[in-house]
């Protein structure tokens, strides 16, 4: 058997699709499945439309001897790969880790619309065209692979038969931090009670709300320090909020940090807080659990499939200021509960192994 993996990214590119595709390229041949890669990366600098046409011809060429074409997104690589599969009469499967049309819409809309609300709404013409395209690609796939039950529900809402949607969680490759908690705190000059949060600085990540509740939490935890790692369109807005609230000594916007540095910040933290309005299945949460740092996050998307409220972390409603404050102060007042979360975190991570992910994919392709 031979599989063509159509991917937006492949090493030396970095990112989820690159990591996932590289794992399959390494592991599938060990099980008698040849792998060929068609990466979109080489065409990104071409004009829009031309780059997709060029990528289509690459898929057409490299899929000649393949039995299956496996696309890693429903749009940039998914649409050209789907057309190539139809022309060559190849089996076509698709991986979906989010709603592409929603993500682009969020970047331009200026307001937050939850993914669930987006599914039932009507928007501008370009957004609707993107939605039509990704649904068409999903409809054409013999099987759609998603990393969480939440995303299975989203794709089923597009009209895809539930029996044609398979949940295969992504593998967690581990996270390395060679520093102790004390060494990490000393390296970044962190003292007192430290909360860390991380992610792209976009409206639906809820960093503004997290900053706004800091003055209230300080009344109960006077030595509180908040560190936010990441960069994005909200950077200037968040900086203004910090200054307006007089929190320059309390809140640090660390900006974009390397993966190893983020692991050190998390190791230094007493608590990790992710007030997010959307997650498919958060690799970031798995890294935090592996580093034994207690977690407070939201009960949205795939988060409840990783965090079990009260067992390995705390779940609250998105942007619920009172619930966030209560959860944070509760944890800092309960050493035993934090110790429980630190112990159960690594146990959760062990469920997301490379062997399980590859094995589930092999079982699926043999069914086709």
Foldseek 3Di string as FASTA:
>chain_A
DEEEEEFQDAPVDDDDRNVQVVLCCPPVVVVVYHYHYQYLVVLVPPDPPVSLVVSLVVLLVVCQPGQEYEYEDQPSRLLSNLVSCVVNVHAYEYEYLDQVLQVVCLVPVPDDDFPVNVLPDDDDPVSVVSLVRSLVSNQSHQAYEYQAPLVLVVNVSSVDDSVRYHHQHAFQPAADAPDALVRLCVVVVHDFAEEEEEDAPGVQQQVLLVLVLVVVLCVVRVRAAYEYEEYYDCVVVSVVSCVVVVNPVRYHDPYHDDRRNVLSSLNNHQEYEGLGSDGQADSVLLRSLLSLHEYEYEPDHRVCVQDPDQQQYHYDHHSPNVVVSVRVSVPVVDVPSSNRNSVCSNVSSVVRHSVRNSVVVVVVVVVD
